[in-house]
PDB file of N, CA and C in Angstrom:
ATOM      1  N   MET A   1       4.397   4.603  -8.866  1.00  0.00           N
ATOM      2  CA  MET A   1       3.323   3.597  -9.198  1.00  0.00           C
ATOM      3  C   MET A   1       2.494   4.316 -10.309  1.00  0.00           C
ATOM      4  N   THR A   2       1.956   3.114 -11.049  1.00  0.00           N
ATOM      5  CA  THR A   2       1.126   3.638 -12.317  1.00  0.00           C
ATOM      6  C   THR A   2      -0.151   3.076 -11.880  1.00  0.00           C
ATOM      7  N   VAL A   3      -1.597   3.999 -12.773  1.00  0.00           N
ATOM      8  CA  VAL A   3      -2.712   3.666 -12.158  1.00  0.00           C
ATOM      9  C   VAL A   3      -2.988   2.304 -12.604  1.00  0.00           C
ATOM     10  N   PRO A   4      -3.441   1.297 -12.183  1.00  0.00           N
ATOM     11  CA  PRO A   4      -4.183   0.063 -12.998  1.00  0.00           C
ATOM     12  C   PRO A   4      -5.054   0.373 -13.575  1.00  0.00           C
ATOM     13  N   GLY A   5      -5.850  -0.377 -14.421  1.00  0.00           N
ATOM     14  CA  GLY A   5      -6.439  -0.627 -15.056  1.00  0.00           C
ATOM     15  C   GLY A   5      -7.820  -0.838 -14.282  1.00  0.00           C
ATOM     16  N   ASN A   6      -7.513  -1.977 -13.712  1.00  0.00           N
ATOM     17  CA  ASN A   6      -8.591  -2.912 -12.872  1.00  0.00           C
ATOM     18  C   ASN A   6      -8.957  -2.086 -11.359  1.00  0.00           C
ATOM     19  N   PRO A   7     -10.136  -1.875 -11.004  1.00  0.00           N
ATOM     20  CA  PRO A   7     -10.926  -1.233 -10.220  1.00  0.00           C
ATOM     21  C   PRO A   7     -10.350  -1.494  -8.367  1.00  0.00           C
ATOM     22  N   CYS A   8     -10.187  -0.952  -7.423  1.00  0.00           N
ATOM     23  CA  CYS A   8     -10.175  -1.361  -6.163  1.00  0.00           C
ATOM     24  C   CYS A   8     -11.079  -1.922  -5.773  1.00  0.00           C
ATOM     25  N   PRO A   9     -11.158  -2.814  -5.069  1.00  0.00           N
ATOM     26  CA  PRO A   9     -12.473  -3.662  -4.580  1.00  0.00           C
ATOM     27  C   PRO A   9     -13.238  -2.499  -3.635  1.00  0.00           C
ATOM     28  N   ILE A  10     -14.595  -3.084  -3.598  1.00  0.00           N
ATOM     29  CA  ILE A  10     -15.299  -2.363  -2.549  1.00  0.00           C
ATOM     30  C   ILE A  10     -15.077  -3.334  -0.670  1.00  0.00           C
ATOM     31  N   GLY A  11     -14.927  -2.709  -0.289  1.00  0.00           N
ATOM     32  CA  GLY A  11     -14.702  -3.202   1.315  1.00  0.00           C
ATOM     33  C   GLY A  11     -13.084  -2.890   1.324  1.00  0.00           C
ATOM     34  N   GLY A  12     -12.323  -3.113   0.600  1.00  0.00           N
ATOM     35  CA  GLY A  12     -10.856  -2.887   0.556  1.00  0.00           C
ATOM     36  C   GLY A  12     -10.682  -1.638   1.077  1.00  0.00           C
ATOM     37  N   LEU A  13      -9.372  -1.728   2.484  1.00  0.00           N
ATOM     38  CA  LEU A  13      -8.624  -0.825   2.807  1.00  0.00           C
ATOM     39  C   LEU A  13      -7.377   0.009   2.348  1.00  0.00           C
ATOM     40  N   VAL A  14      -7.842   1.403   1.764  1.00  0.00           N
ATOM     41  CA  VAL A  14      -7.351   2.082   1.352  1.00  0.00           C
ATOM     42  C   VAL A  14      -6.453   3.366   2.484  1.00  0.00           C
ATOM     43  N   PRO A  15      -5.282   3.563   1.681  1.00  0.00           N
ATOM     44  CA  PRO A  15      -4.790   5.111   2.740  1.00  0.00           C
ATOM     45  C   PRO A  15      -5.557   6.311   2.084  1.00  0.00           C
ATOM     46  N   TRP A  16      -6.156   6.995   3.101  1.00  0.00           N
ATOM     47  CA  TRP A  16      -6.890   8.308   2.868  1.00  0.00           C
ATOM     48  C   TRP A  16      -6.821   8.904   4.272  1.00  0.00           C
ATOM     49  N   ALA A  17      -6.735  10.696   4.022  1.00  0.00           N
ATOM     50  CA  ALA A  17      -7.228  11.327   5.447  1.00  0.00           C
ATOM     51  C   ALA A  17      -6.481  10.823   6.195  1.00  0.00           C
ATOM     52  N   ARG A  18      -5.234  10.452   6.580  1.00  0.00           N
ATOM     53  CA  ARG A  18      -4.221  10.621   7.549  1.00  0.00           C
ATOM     54  C   ARG A  18      -4.688   8.763   8.230  1.00  0.00           C
ATOM     55  N   GLY A  19      -5.294   7.879   7.678  1.00  0.00           N
ATOM     56  CA  GLY A  19      -5.752   6.533   8.109  1.00  0.00           C
ATOM     57  C   GLY A  19      -5.558   5.799   6.608  1.00  0.00           C
ATOM     58  N   ILE A  20      -6.409   4.675   7.636  1.00  0.00           N
ATOM     59  CA  ILE A  20      -6.719   3.490   6.684  1.00  0.00           C
ATOM     60  C   ILE A  20      -8.217   3.151   6.511  1.00  0.00           C
ATOM     61  N   TRP A  21      -8.810   3.161   5.357  1.00  0.00           N
ATOM     62  CA  TRP A  21     -10.084   3.247   5.474  1.00  0.00           C
ATOM     63  C   TRP A  21     -10.937   2.641   4.240  1.00  0.00           C
ATOM     64  N   PRO A  22     -12.041   1.759   4.617  1.00  0.00           N
ATOM     65  CA  PRO A  22     -12.721   0.967   3.479  1.00  0.00           C
ATOM     66  C   PRO A  22     -13.399   1.805   2.180  1.00  0.00           C
ATOM     67  N   ILE A  23     -13.322   1.337   1.608  1.00  0.00           N
ATOM     68  CA  ILE A  23     -14.097   1.609   0.011  1.00  0.00           C
ATOM     69  C   ILE A  23     -15.762   1.170   0.307  1.00  0.00           C
ATOM     70  N   ARG A  24     -16.335   1.909   0.200  1.00  0.00           N
ATOM     71  CA  ARG A  24     -17.962   1.654   0.189  1.00  0.00           C
ATOM     72  C   ARG A  24     -18.462   1.645  -0.912  1.00  0.00           C
ATOM     73  N   TRP A  25     -18.271   2.519  -1.512  1.00  0.00           N
ATOM     74  CA  TRP A  25     -18.581   2.632  -3.324  1.00  0.00           C
ATOM     75  C   TRP A  25     -17.403   2.645  -4.146  1.00  0.00           C
ATOM     76  N   ARG A  26     -17.916   2.092  -5.565  1.00  0.00           N
ATOM     77  CA  ARG A  26     -17.207   2.722  -6.859  1.00  0.00           C
ATOM     78  C   ARG A  26     -18.333   2.969  -7.978  1.00  0.00           C
ATOM     79  N   GLY A  27     -18.010   3.497  -8.748  1.00  0.00           N
ATOM     80  CA  GLY A  27     -18.455   3.515 -10.119  1.00  0.00           C
ATOM     81  C   GLY A  27     -17.563   3.974 -11.542  1.00  0.00           C
ATOM     82  N   PRO A  28     -17.293   3.738 -12.568  1.00  0.00           N
ATOM     83  CA  PRO A  28     -16.979   3.984 -13.624  1.00  0.00           C
ATOM     84  C   PRO A  28     -16.607   5.524 -13.758  1.00  0.00           C
ATOM     85  N   HIS A  29     -15.685   5.882 -14.669  1.00  0.00           N
ATOM     86  CA  HIS A  29     -15.842   7.310 -15.075  1.00  0.00           C
ATOM     87  C   HIS A  29     -14.855   7.365 -16.456  1.00  0.00           C
ATOM     88  N   PRO A  30     -15.681   8.279 -17.123  1.00  0.00           N
ATOM     89  CA  PRO A  30     -15.059   7.746 -18.751  1.00  0.00           C
ATOM     90  C   PRO A  30     -13.522   8.432 -18.770  1.00  0.00           C
ATOM     91  N   VAL A  31     -13.245   9.709 -18.036  1.00  0.00           N
ATOM     92  CA  VAL A  31     -11.869  10.214 -18.253  1.00  0.00           C
ATOM     93  C   VAL A  31     -10.905   9.335 -16.736  1.00  0.00           C
ATOM     94  N   LEU A  32     -11.572   9.409 -15.620  1.00  0.00           N
ATOM     95  CA  LEU A  32     -10.659   9.143 -14.532  1.00  0.00           C
ATOM     96  C   LEU A  32     -10.590   7.231 -14.213  1.00  0.00           C
ATOM     97  N   LEU A  33     -11.255   6.641 -14.926  1.00  0.00           N
ATOM     98  CA  LEU A  33     -11.515   5.105 -14.583  1.00  0.00           C
ATOM     99  C   LEU A  33     -11.938   4.686 -14.079  1.00  0.00           C
ATOM    100  N   TRP A  34     -11.614   5.344 -12.315  1.00  0.00           N
ATOM    101  CA  TRP A  34     -12.924   5.094 -11.505  1.00  0.00           C
ATOM    102  C   TRP A  34     -12.952   6.105 -10.580  1.00  0.00           C
ATOM    103  N   LEU A  35     -13.985   6.032  -9.776  1.00  0.00           N
ATOM    104  CA  LEU A  35     -14.654   6.816  -8.863  1.00  0.00           C
ATOM    105  C   LEU A  35     -14.917   6.443  -7.826  1.00  0.00           C
ATOM    106  N   TYR A  36     -14.759   6.584  -6.337  1.00  0.00           N
ATOM    107  CA  TYR A  36     -14.755   5.652  -5.371  1.00  0.00           C
ATOM    108  C   TYR A  36     -15.149   6.678  -4.365  1.00  0.00           C
ATOM    109  N   THR A  37     -15.960   6.202  -3.189  1.00  0.00           N
ATOM    110  CA  THR A  37     -16.081   7.120  -1.738  1.00  0.00           C
ATOM    111  C   THR A  37     -16.004   5.922  -0.954  1.00  0.00           C
ATOM    112  N   ILE A  38     -15.294   6.952  -0.043  1.00  0.00           N
ATOM    113  CA  ILE A  38     -14.291   6.203   1.280  1.00  0.00           C
ATOM    114  C   ILE A  38     -14.702   6.661   2.255  1.00  0.00           C
ATOM    115  N   HIS A  39     -15.186   5.999   3.097  1.00  0.00           N
ATOM    116  CA  HIS A  39     -15.941   6.169   4.325  1.00  0.00           C
ATOM    117  C   HIS A  39     -14.310   6.077   5.909  1.00  0.00           C
ATOM    118  N   GLU A  40     -14.398   7.408   6.382  1.00  0.00           N
ATOM    119  CA  GLU A  40     -13.744   7.687   7.644  1.00  0.00           C
ATOM    120  C   GLU A  40     -14.247   7.422   8.857  1.00  0.00           C
ATOM    121  N   LYS A  41     -14.155   6.712   9.715  1.00  0.00           N
ATOM    122  CA  LYS A  41     -14.477   6.879  10.928  1.00  0.00           C
ATOM    123  C   LYS A  41     -13.778   6.520  11.891  1.00  0.00           C
ATOM    124  N   GLN A  42     -13.270   7.761  12.432  1.00  0.00           N
ATOM    125  CA  GLN A  42     -12.107   7.580  13.936  1.00  0.00           C
ATOM    126  C   GLN A  42     -12.942   7.147  15.124  1.00  0.00           C
ATOM    127  N   GLU A  43     -12.482   6.530  15.872  1.00  0.00           N
ATOM    128  CA  GLU A  43     -13.166   6.501  17.093  1.00  0.00           C
ATOM    129  C   GLU A  43     -13.759   8.022  17.659  1.00  0.00           C
ATOM    130  N   HIS A  44     -14.912   8.165  18.230  1.00  0.00           N
ATOM    131  CA  HIS A  44     -15.285   9.161  19.269  1.00  0.00           C
ATOM    132  C   HIS A  44     -15.720  10.082  17.911  1.00  0.00           C
ATOM    133  N   GLN A  45     -15.554  10.123  17.085  1.00  0.00           N
ATOM    134  CA  GLN A  45     -15.765  10.630  16.087  1.00  0.00           C
ATOM    135  C   GLN A  45     -16.857  10.675  14.957  1.00  0.00           C
ATOM    136  N   PRO A  46     -17.667  11.436  14.466  1.00  0.00           N
ATOM    137  CA  PRO A  46     -18.451  11.709  13.481  1.00  0.00           C
ATOM    138  C   PRO A  46     -18.157  10.700  12.131  1.00  0.00           C
ATOM    139  N   LEU A  47     -18.565  10.291  11.515  1.00  0.00           N
ATOM    140  CA  LEU A  47     -18.456   9.486  10.136  1.00  0.00           C
ATOM    141  C   LEU A  47     -18.259  10.597   9.167  1.00  0.00           C
ATOM    142  N   HIS A  48     -16.944  10.539   8.314  1.00  0.00           N
ATOM    143  CA  HIS A  48     -16.525  11.360   7.272  1.00  0.00           C
ATOM    144  C   HIS A  48     -16.889  10.487   6.016  1.00  0.00           C
ATOM    145  N   ILE A  49     -17.500  11.365   5.126  1.00  0.00           N
ATOM    146  CA  ILE A  49     -17.332  10.569   3.725  1.00  0.00           C
ATOM    147  C   ILE A  49     -16.672  11.029   2.691  1.00  0.00           C
ATOM    148  N   HIS A  50     -16.044  10.551   1.915  1.00  0.00           N
ATOM    149  CA  HIS A  50     -14.777  11.405   1.103  1.00  0.00           C
ATOM    150  C   HIS A  50     -15.496  10.699  -0.193  1.00  0.00           C
ATOM    151  N   TRP A  51     -16.073  11.648  -0.688  1.00  0.00           N
ATOM    152  CA  TRP A  51     -16.942  11.519  -2.163  1.00  0.00           C
ATOM    153  C   TRP A  51     -15.986  11.561  -3.558  1.00  0.00           C
ATOM    154  N   ASN A  52     -15.963  10.849  -4.567  1.00  0.00           N
ATOM    155  CA  ASN A  52     -15.490  11.158  -5.891  1.00  0.00           C
ATOM    156  C   ASN A  52     -13.836  11.445  -6.174  1.00  0.00           C
ATOM    157  N   VAL A  53     -13.301   9.977  -4.711  1.00  0.00           N
ATOM    158  CA  VAL A  53     -11.849  10.049  -5.063  1.00  0.00           C
ATOM    159  C   VAL A  53     -12.027   9.392  -6.246  1.00  0.00           C
ATOM    160  N   SER A  54     -10.638   9.788  -7.109  1.00  0.00           N
ATOM    161  CA  SER A  54     -10.144   9.263  -8.341  1.00  0.00           C
ATOM    162  C   SER A  54      -9.022   7.772  -7.896  1.00  0.00           C
ATOM    163  N   GLN A  55      -9.022   7.269  -8.669  1.00  0.00           N
ATOM    164  CA  GLN A  55      -8.123   5.851  -8.537  1.00  0.00           C
ATOM    165  C   GLN A  55      -6.505   6.127  -8.636  1.00  0.00           C
ATOM    166  N   ALA A  56      -6.479   7.460  -9.103  1.00  0.00           N
ATOM    167  CA  ALA A  56      -5.169   8.133  -9.606  1.00  0.00           C
ATOM    168  C   ALA A  56      -4.828   8.292  -7.802  1.00  0.00           C
ATOM    169  N   ASP A  57      -5.592   9.117  -7.335  1.00  0.00           N
ATOM    170  CA  ASP A  57      -5.536   9.703  -6.323  1.00  0.00           C
ATOM    171  C   ASP A  57      -5.041   8.465  -5.138  1.00  0.00           C
ATOM    172  N   ILE A  58      -5.912   7.807  -4.905  1.00  0.00           N
ATOM    173  CA  ILE A  58      -5.934   6.380  -4.113  1.00  0.00           C
ATOM    174  C   ILE A  58      -4.166   5.848  -4.050  1.00  0.00           C
ATOM    175  N   VAL A  59      -3.814   5.725  -5.574  1.00  0.00           N
ATOM    176  CA  VAL A  59      -2.548   5.478  -5.838  1.00  0.00           C
ATOM    177  C   VAL A  59      -1.496   6.296  -5.596  1.00  0.00           C
ATOM    178  N   ARG A  60      -1.360   7.815  -5.723  1.00  0.00           N
ATOM    179  CA  ARG A  60      -1.126   8.893  -5.249  1.00  0.00           C
ATOM    180  C   ARG A  60      -0.837   8.526  -3.635  1.00  0.00           C
ATOM    181  N   ALA A  61      -1.815   8.097  -2.837  1.00  0.00           N
ATOM    182  CA  ALA A  61      -1.922   8.229  -1.171  1.00  0.00           C
ATOM    183  C   ALA A  61      -1.045   7.107  -0.839  1.00  0.00           C
ATOM    184  N   MET A  62      -1.345   6.002  -1.706  1.00  0.00           N
ATOM    185  CA  MET A  62      -0.187   4.746  -1.384  1.00  0.00           C
ATOM    186  C   MET A  62       1.189   4.659  -1.229  1.00  0.00           C
ATOM    187  N   GLU A  63       1.441   5.367  -2.742  1.00  0.00           N
ATOM    188  CA  GLU A  63       3.027   5.784  -2.811  1.00  0.00           C
ATOM    189  C   GLU A  63       3.455   6.831  -1.771  1.00  0.00           C
ATOM    190  N   GLU A  64       2.589   7.647  -1.286  1.00  0.00           N
ATOM    191  CA  GLU A  64       3.266   8.516  -0.193  1.00  0.00           C
ATOM    192  C   GLU A  64       3.341   7.572   0.713  1.00  0.00           C
ATOM    193  N   ARG A  65       2.609   6.714   1.383  1.00  0.00           N
ATOM    194  CA  ARG A  65       2.291   5.661   2.978  1.00  0.00           C
ATOM    195  C   ARG A  65       3.461   4.959   2.828  1.00  0.00           C
ATOM    196  N   ALA A  66       3.918   4.534   1.101  1.00  0.00           N
ATOM    197  CA  ALA A  66       4.652   3.252   1.205  1.00  0.00           C
ATOM    198  C   ALA A  66       6.217   3.854   1.772  1.00  0.00           C
ATOM    199  N   ALA A  67       6.965   2.916   2.643  1.00  0.00           N
ATOM    200  CA  ALA A  67       8.044   3.117   3.676  1.00  0.00           C
ATOM    201  C   ALA A  67       8.825   2.846   2.739  1.00  0.00           C
ATOM    202  N   PHE A  68       9.293   2.023   1.662  1.00  0.00           N
ATOM    203  CA  PHE A  68      10.228   1.677   0.654  1.00  0.00           C
ATOM    204  C   PHE A  68       9.932   1.521  -0.437  1.00  0.00           C
ATOM    205  N   LYS A  69      10.821   1.533  -1.623  1.00  0.00           N
ATOM    206  CA  LYS A  69      10.529   1.416  -3.264  1.00  0.00           C
ATOM    207  C   LYS A  69      11.198   0.532  -3.672  1.00  0.00           C
ATOM    208  N   PRO A  70      10.779  -0.229  -4.939  1.00  0.00           N
ATOM    209  CA  PRO A  70      11.342  -1.099  -5.279  1.00  0.00           C
ATOM    210  C   PRO A  70      12.551  -0.798  -6.124  1.00  0.00           C
ATOM    211  N   ARG A  71      13.817  -1.653  -5.857  1.00  0.00           N
ATOM    212  CA  ARG A  71      14.724  -1.530  -6.278  1.00  0.00           C
ATOM    213  C   ARG A  71      15.864  -1.130  -5.260  1.00  0.00           C
ATOM    214  N   GLN A  72      15.081  -0.756  -3.746  1.00  0.00           N
ATOM    215  CA  GLN A  72      15.987  -0.032  -3.001  1.00  0.00           C
ATOM    216  C   GLN A  72      16.474  -1.022  -1.955  1.00  0.00           C
ATOM    217  N   MET A  73      17.813  -0.624  -1.576  1.00  0.00           N
ATOM    218  CA  MET A  73      18.408  -1.735  -0.986  1.00  0.00           C
ATOM    219  C   MET A  73      17.897  -1.453   0.707  1.00  0.00           C
ATOM    220  N   VAL A  74      17.930  -2.409   1.512  1.00  0.00           N
ATOM    221  CA  VAL A  74      17.584  -2.452   3.335  1.00  0.00           C
ATOM    222  C   VAL A  74      18.569  -3.468   3.577  1.00  0.00           C
ATOM    223  N   GLN A  75      19.466  -2.949   4.750  1.00  0.00           N
ATOM    224  CA  GLN A  75      19.728  -3.501   5.413  1.00  0.00           C
ATOM    225  C   GLN A  75      19.527  -4.231   6.353  1.00  0.00           C
ATOM    226  N   LEU A  76      18.987  -5.537   6.355  1.00  0.00           N
ATOM    227  CA  LEU A  76      18.479  -6.544   7.447  1.00  0.00           C
ATOM    228  C   LEU A  76      19.267  -7.291   8.296  1.00  0.00           C
ATOM    229  N   GLY A  77      20.521  -6.983   8.491  1.00  0.00           N
ATOM    230  CA  GLY A  77      21.560  -7.850   9.368  1.00  0.00           C
ATOM    231  C   GLY A  77      22.785  -6.990   9.314  1.00  0.00           C
ATOM    232  N   PRO A  78      23.748  -7.327  10.320  1.00  0.00           N
ATOM    233  CA  PRO A  78      25.020  -6.533  10.182  1.00  0.00           C
ATOM    234  C   PRO A  78      25.917  -6.634   9.103  1.00  0.00           C
ATOM    235  N   MET A  79      25.511  -7.670   8.192  1.00  0.00           N
ATOM    236  CA  MET A  79      26.692  -7.794   6.829  1.00  0.00           C
ATOM    237  C   MET A  79      25.278  -8.210   5.931  1.00  0.00           C
ATOM    238  N   VAL A  80      23.850  -8.086   6.016  1.00  0.00           N
ATOM    239  CA  VAL A  80      22.693  -8.530   4.693  1.00  0.00           C
ATOM    240  C   VAL A  80      22.185  -7.334   4.139  1.00  0.00           C
ATOM    241  N   ARG A  81      22.803  -7.228   3.162  1.00  0.00           N
ATOM    242  CA  ARG A  81      21.621  -6.148   2.291  1.00  0.00           C
ATOM    243  C   ARG A  81      20.876  -6.815   1.238  1.00  0.00           C
ATOM    244  N   LEU A  82      20.293  -6.401   1.121  1.00  0.00           N
ATOM    245  CA  LEU A  82      19.321  -6.808   0.023  1.00  0.00           C
ATOM    246  C   LEU A  82      18.507  -6.130  -0.554  1.00  0.00           C
ATOM    247  N   ARG A  83      17.585  -6.113  -1.776  1.00  0.00           N
ATOM    248  CA  ARG A  83      17.522  -5.326  -2.637  1.00  0.00           C
ATOM    249  C   ARG A  83      15.517  -5.852  -2.708  1.00  0.00           C
ATOM    250  N   ILE A  84      14.977  -5.006  -2.643  1.00  0.00           N
ATOM    251  CA  ILE A  84      13.095  -5.123  -2.516  1.00  0.00           C
ATOM    252  C   ILE A  84      13.094  -5.356  -4.177  1.00  0.00           C
ATOM    253  N   LEU A  85      12.402  -6.113  -4.294  1.00  0.00           N
ATOM    254  CA  LEU A  85      12.536  -6.472  -5.777  1.00  0.00           C
ATOM    255  C   LEU A  85      10.525  -6.097  -6.262  1.00  0.00           C
ATOM    256  N   LYS A  86       9.790  -6.209  -5.623  1.00  0.00           N
ATOM    257  CA  LYS A  86       8.476  -5.369  -5.953  1.00  0.00           C
ATOM    258  C   LYS A  86       7.802  -5.090  -4.794  1.00  0.00           C
ATOM    259  N   ARG A  87       6.584  -4.500  -4.633  1.00  0.00           N
ATOM    260  CA  ARG A  87       5.650  -4.506  -3.747  1.00  0.00           C
ATOM    261  C   ARG A  87       4.578  -4.341  -4.283  1.00  0.00           C
ATOM    262  N   LYS A  88       3.367  -4.707  -3.188  1.00  0.00           N
ATOM    263  CA  LYS A  88       2.274  -4.772  -3.500  1.00  0.00           C
ATOM    264  C   LYS A  88       1.371  -4.217  -2.370  1.00  0.00           C
ATOM    265  N   TRP A  89       0.115  -3.883  -2.848  1.00  0.00           N
ATOM    266  CA  TRP A  89      -0.971  -3.074  -1.709  1.00  0.00           C
ATOM    267  C   TRP A  89      -1.707  -4.388  -1.504  1.00  0.00           C
ATOM    268  N   SER A  90      -1.988  -4.867   0.024  1.00  0.00           N
ATOM    269  CA  SER A  90      -2.916  -5.875   0.111  1.00  0.00           C
ATOM    270  C   SER A  90      -4.064  -4.687   0.694  1.00  0.00           C
ATOM    271  N   PHE A  91      -5.438  -4.688  -0.053  1.00  0.00           N
ATOM    272  CA  PHE A  91      -6.907  -4.748   0.002  1.00  0.00           C
ATOM    273  C   PHE A  91      -7.443  -4.995   1.757  1.00  0.00           C
ATOM    274  N   GLU A  92      -6.788  -6.517   1.520  1.00  0.00           N
ATOM    275  CA  GLU A  92      -7.749  -7.202   2.829  1.00  0.00           C
ATOM    276  C   GLU A  92      -6.916  -6.526   4.149  1.00  0.00           C
ATOM    277  N   ARG A  93      -5.559  -6.341   4.216  1.00  0.00           N
ATOM    278  CA  ARG A  93      -4.881  -6.084   5.442  1.00  0.00           C
ATOM    279  C   ARG A  93      -4.964  -4.503   5.454  1.00  0.00           C
ATOM    280  N   GLY A  94      -4.621  -3.442   4.316  1.00  0.00           N
ATOM    281  CA  GLY A  94      -4.425  -2.242   4.444  1.00  0.00           C
ATOM    282  C   GLY A  94      -3.149  -2.208   4.355  1.00  0.00           C
ATOM    283  N   CYS A  95      -2.294  -2.656   3.886  1.00  0.00           N
ATOM    284  CA  CYS A  95      -0.611  -2.118   3.675  1.00  0.00           C
ATOM    285  C   CYS A  95       0.194  -3.010   2.423  1.00  0.00           C
ATOM    286  N   PHE A  96       0.850  -2.525   2.973  1.00  0.00           N
ATOM    287  CA  PHE A  96       1.920  -3.157   1.428  1.00  0.00           C
ATOM    288  C   PHE A  96       2.832  -4.329   1.987  1.00  0.00           C
ATOM    289  N   PHE A  97       3.237  -5.347   1.117  1.00  0.00           N
ATOM    290  CA  PHE A  97       3.913  -6.504   1.013  1.00  0.00           C
ATOM    291  C   PHE A  97       4.611  -6.048   0.239  1.00  0.00           C
ATOM    292  N   TYR A  98       5.892  -6.221   0.405  1.00  0.00           N
ATOM    293  CA  TYR A  98       7.252  -6.490  -0.422  1.00  0.00           C
ATOM    294  C   TYR A  98       8.115  -7.921  -0.687  1.00  0.00           C
ATOM    295  N   LEU A  99       8.245  -8.115  -1.683  1.00  0.00           N
ATOM    296  CA  LEU A  99       9.017  -9.059  -2.399  1.00  0.00           C
ATOM    297  C   LEU A  99      10.433  -8.661  -2.105  1.00  0.00           C
ATOM    298  N   ILE A 100      11.089  -9.721  -1.003  1.00  0.00           N
ATOM    299  CA  ILE A 100      12.967  -9.173  -1.251  1.00  0.00           C
ATOM    300  C   ILE A 100      13.374 -10.474  -2.013  1.00  0.00           C
ATOM    301  N   GLU A 101      14.782  -9.818  -2.486  1.00  0.00           N
ATOM    302  CA  GLU A 101      15.533 -10.954  -3.344  1.00  0.00           C
ATOM    303  C   GLU A 101      16.162 -11.566  -2.017  1.00  0.00           C
ATOM    304  N   GLY A 102      16.344 -13.134  -2.741  1.00  0.00           N
ATOM    305  CA  GLY A 102      16.803 -14.294  -2.087  1.00  0.00           C
ATOM    306  C   GLY A 102      18.574 -14.104  -2.111  1.00  0.00           C
ATOM    307  N   ALA A 103      18.770 -15.387  -1.043  1.00  0.00           N
ATOM    308  CA  ALA A 103      20.555 -15.031  -1.578  1.00  0.00           C
ATOM    309  C   ALA A 103      20.811 -15.857  -2.766  1.00  0.00           C
ATOM    310  N   ARG A 104      19.878 -16.601  -2.946  1.00  0.00           N
ATOM    311  CA  ARG A 104      20.373 -17.295  -4.153  1.00  0.00           C
ATOM    312  C   ARG A 104      18.779 -16.621  -5.487  1.00  0.00           C
ATOM    313  N   GLN A 105      19.211 -17.155  -6.740  1.00  0.00           N
ATOM    314  CA  GLN A 105      18.021 -17.141  -7.642  1.00  0.00           C
ATOM    315  C   GLN A 105      16.924 -17.783  -7.287  1.00  0.00           C
ATOM    316  N   GLY A 106      15.341 -17.614  -7.450  1.00  0.00           N
ATOM    317  CA  GLY A 106      14.428 -18.146  -6.987  1.00  0.00           C
ATOM    318  C   GLY A 106      14.042 -18.335  -5.359  1.00  0.00           C
ATOM    319  N   ARG A 107      14.511 -17.824  -4.728  1.00  0.00           N
ATOM    320  CA  ARG A 107      15.048 -17.747  -3.067  1.00  0.00           C
ATOM    321  C   ARG A 107      13.920 -16.606  -2.673  1.00  0.00           C
ATOM    322  N   GLU A 108      13.474 -15.654  -3.525  1.00  0.00           N
ATOM    323  CA  GLU A 108      12.782 -14.308  -3.037  1.00  0.00           C
ATOM    324  C   GLU A 108      11.839 -14.516  -1.686  1.00  0.00           C
ATOM    325  N   TRP A 109      11.517 -13.946  -0.924  1.00  0.00           N
ATOM    326  CA  TRP A 109      10.836 -13.779   0.318  1.00  0.00           C
ATOM    327  C   TRP A 109       9.464 -12.588   0.280  1.00  0.00           C
ATOM    328  N   SER A 110       8.613 -12.717   0.833  1.00  0.00           N
ATOM    329  CA  SER A 110       7.874 -11.940   1.050  1.00  0.00           C
ATOM    330  C   SER A 110       7.338 -11.259   2.415  1.00  0.00           C
ATOM    331  N   LEU A 111       7.789 -10.149   2.707  1.00  0.00           N
ATOM    332  CA  LEU A 111       6.957  -9.288   4.232  1.00  0.00           C
ATOM    333  C   LEU A 111       6.225  -8.318   4.420  1.00  0.00           C
ATOM    334  N   GLU A 112       5.847  -8.196   5.315  1.00  0.00           N
ATOM    335  CA  GLU A 112       4.465  -6.871   5.149  1.00  0.00           C
ATOM    336  C   GLU A 112       5.532  -5.743   6.266  1.00  0.00           C
ATOM    337  N   GLU A 113       4.888  -4.705   5.340  1.00  0.00           N
ATOM    338  CA  GLU A 113       5.820  -3.721   5.607  1.00  0.00           C
ATOM    339  C   GLU A 113       6.022  -3.292   7.024  1.00  0.00           C
ATOM    340  N   GLU A 114       5.536  -3.590   8.143  1.00  0.00           N
ATOM    341  CA  GLU A 114       5.270  -3.081   9.483  1.00  0.00           C
ATOM    342  C   GLU A 114       6.877  -4.583  10.215  1.00  0.00           C
ATOM    343  N   GLU A 115       6.648  -5.525   9.365  1.00  0.00           N
ATOM    344  CA  GLU A 115       7.687  -6.326  10.104  1.00  0.00           C
ATOM    345  C   GLU A 115       8.972  -6.244   9.246  1.00  0.00           C
ATOM    346  N   LEU A 116       9.009  -5.306   7.651  1.00  0.00           N
ATOM    347  CA  LEU A 116      10.457  -5.442   7.102  1.00  0.00           C
ATOM    348  C   LEU A 116      10.571  -3.602   8.246  1.00  0.00           C
ATOM    349  N   ILE A 117       9.834  -3.021   8.284  1.00  0.00           N
ATOM    350  CA  ILE A 117      10.575  -2.322   9.055  1.00  0.00           C
ATOM    351  C   ILE A 117      11.386  -2.297  10.320  1.00  0.00           C
ATOM    352  N   LYS A 118      10.362  -3.198  11.268  1.00  0.00           N
ATOM    353  CA  LYS A 118      11.175  -3.756  12.408  1.00  0.00           C
ATOM    354  C   LYS A 118      12.735  -4.341  12.214  1.00  0.00           C
ATOM    355  N   ARG A 119      12.587  -5.149  11.114  1.00  0.00           N
ATOM    356  CA  ARG A 119      13.643  -6.047  10.714  1.00  0.00           C
ATOM    357  C   ARG A 119      14.916  -4.708  10.493  1.00  0.00           C
ATOM    358  N   VAL A 120      14.603  -3.986   9.778  1.00  0.00           N
ATOM    359  CA  VAL A 120      15.859  -2.859   8.919  1.00  0.00           C
ATOM    360  C   VAL A 120      15.990  -2.255  10.202  1.00  0.00           C
ATOM    361  N   ARG A 121      14.817  -1.310  11.162  1.00  0.00           N
ATOM    362  CA  ARG A 121      15.452  -1.214  12.620  1.00  0.00           C
ATOM    363  C   ARG A 121      16.420  -1.741  13.827  1.00  0.00           C
ATOM    364  N   GLY A 122      16.000  -3.162  13.648  1.00  0.00           N
ATOM    365  CA  GLY A 122      16.745  -4.047  14.540  1.00  0.00           C
ATOM    366  C   GLY A 122      18.017  -4.054  14.029  1.00  0.00           C
ATOM    367  N   ALA A 123      18.518  -3.887  12.480  1.00  0.00           N
ATOM    368  CA  ALA A 123      19.930  -4.187  11.911  1.00  0.00           C
ATOM    369  C   ALA A 123      20.548  -2.888  12.034  1.00  0.00           C
ATOM    370  N   GLU A 124      20.122  -2.055  12.597  1.00  0.00           N
ATOM    371  CA  GLU A 124      20.567  -0.415  12.896  1.00  0.00           C
ATOM    372  C   GLU A 124      21.611  -0.449  14.454  1.00  0.00           C
TER     373      GLU A 124
END
């Protein structure tokens, strides 16, 4: 994945420290583009604040968390193999959405990562 020039939104959910946590602050940086503060709060645990997280680090964490890659073929049924065209991180839900090719041109459809995983497992 490439590091986008646009910043991640404050309050957006991002993968960090073995979980999905909100961004609480961001600031511009002359070299790293953007720096972030992420609050990690696990149940019955103290708040952990991660300071100076770069945008490249967040993108790398998203890449590591992704179950599928663009152009990958997925088995969605006994006779159905389709290609993943794109993926996009949802800061509102804290997960990837995948654009899957359709049976014909212009018939692409989008699936949340967990739903796509369920369908692939169901096809096995």
